[in-house]
Amino acid sequence: MLIDNNSATPDQLKTLVGIGGAYAKGIEEGRPHQSTEDLLKKNVIQSSTYNKIKDQIIARSNDATSNRFRRRSTELL
């Protein structure tokens, strides 16, 4: 089963090898992710952890996540 890093709950993320509470929180706070590689580009997780989970995750485009991100961004202006 693939886990979408744009919509998974922290508990779902923690089922991945090497992902604990801190990484799960970082993944959630770094949304939206355009690709799974964003986890590396945004320094959310280390490459050794990414290599363990890369075949178990996807980064679907999630309109709800994107809209939430856009709302947060405009609130800061």
Protein backbone atom coordinates (compact mmCIF):
# COMPACT_ATOMS: atom_id res chain seq x y z
CA MET A 1 0.00 0.00 0.00
CA LEU A 2 1.34 3.42 -0.96
CA ILE A 3 1.09 6.32 1.45
CA ASP A 4 0.40 9.80 0.09
CA ASN A 5 2.67 12.21 1.90
CA ASN A 6 0.26 15.07 1.11
CA SER A 7 -2.75 13.58 2.85
CA ALA A 8 -1.56 10.90 5.28
CA THR A 9 -2.08 11.43 8.98
CA PRO A 10 0.95 11.48 11.28
CA ASP A 11 -0.05 8.01 12.52
CA GLN A 12 -0.11 6.70 8.96
CA LEU A 13 3.28 8.28 8.23
CA LYS A 14 4.74 6.69 11.36
CA THR A 15 4.02 3.24 9.93
CA LEU A 16 6.91 3.83 7.51
CA VAL A 17 10.32 2.51 8.56
CA GLY A 18 12.39 5.33 10.05
CA ILE A 19 9.54 7.83 10.37
CA GLY A 20 8.81 8.85 13.92
CA GLY A 21 6.86 11.71 15.41
CA ALA A 22 9.33 14.44 14.46
CA TYR A 23 9.61 13.36 10.83
CA ALA A 24 5.84 12.88 10.56
CA LYS A 25 5.30 16.40 11.87
CA GLY A 26 7.88 17.80 9.44
CA ILE A 27 6.25 16.04 6.51
CA GLU A 28 2.84 17.37 7.50
CA GLU A 29 4.07 20.93 8.06
CA GLY A 30 5.99 20.95 4.77
CA ARG A 31 2.93 20.28 2.64
CA PRO A 32 2.14 20.49 -0.17
CA HIS A 33 4.84 18.35 -1.76
CA GLN A 34 5.04 18.37 -5.55
CA SER A 35 6.98 15.09 -5.55
CA THR A 36 8.34 12.62 -3.05
CA GLU A 37 11.80 14.11 -3.67
CA ASP A 38 10.56 17.32 -2.01
CA LEU A 39 11.13 15.54 1.29
CA LEU A 40 14.85 15.73 0.48
CA LYS A 41 14.83 19.11 -1.26
CA LYS A 42 13.05 20.72 1.71
CA ASN A 43 15.35 18.92 4.17
CA VAL A 44 12.41 17.21 5.83
CA ILE A 45 14.12 13.82 6.08
CA GLN A 46 17.63 12.49 5.54
CA SER A 47 18.55 10.62 2.37
CA SER A 48 19.10 7.37 4.29
CA THR A 49 15.51 7.51 5.56
CA TYR A 50 14.18 8.55 2.15
CA ASN A 51 15.90 5.57 0.53
CA LYS A 52 14.08 3.24 2.96
CA ILE A 53 10.61 4.63 2.19
CA LYS A 54 10.76 5.97 -1.39
CA ASP A 55 9.00 2.93 -2.83
CA GLN A 56 6.20 3.19 -0.26
CA ILE A 57 5.23 6.85 -0.72
CA ILE A 58 3.65 9.04 -3.37
CA ALA A 59 2.91 12.75 -3.59
CA ARG A 60 -0.52 13.16 -5.10
CA SER A 61 -1.75 16.58 -5.99
CA ASN A 62 -4.31 17.29 -3.32
CA ASP A 63 -6.56 20.26 -4.02
CA ALA A 64 -7.62 20.52 -0.39
CA THR A 65 -3.99 20.57 0.75
CA SER A 66 -3.03 23.08 -1.94
CA ASN A 67 -5.97 25.31 -1.09
CA ARG A 68 -5.13 25.19 2.61
CA PHE A 69 -1.54 26.15 1.77
CA ARG A 70 -2.67 29.04 -0.43
CA ARG A 71 -5.00 30.31 2.31
CA ARG A 72 -2.18 30.20 4.86
CA SER A 73 0.14 32.03 2.45
CA THR A 74 -2.34 34.83 1.79
CA GLU A 75 -3.06 35.20 5.50
CA LEU A 76 0.59 36.11 6.00
CA LEU A 77 0.42 39.03 3.54
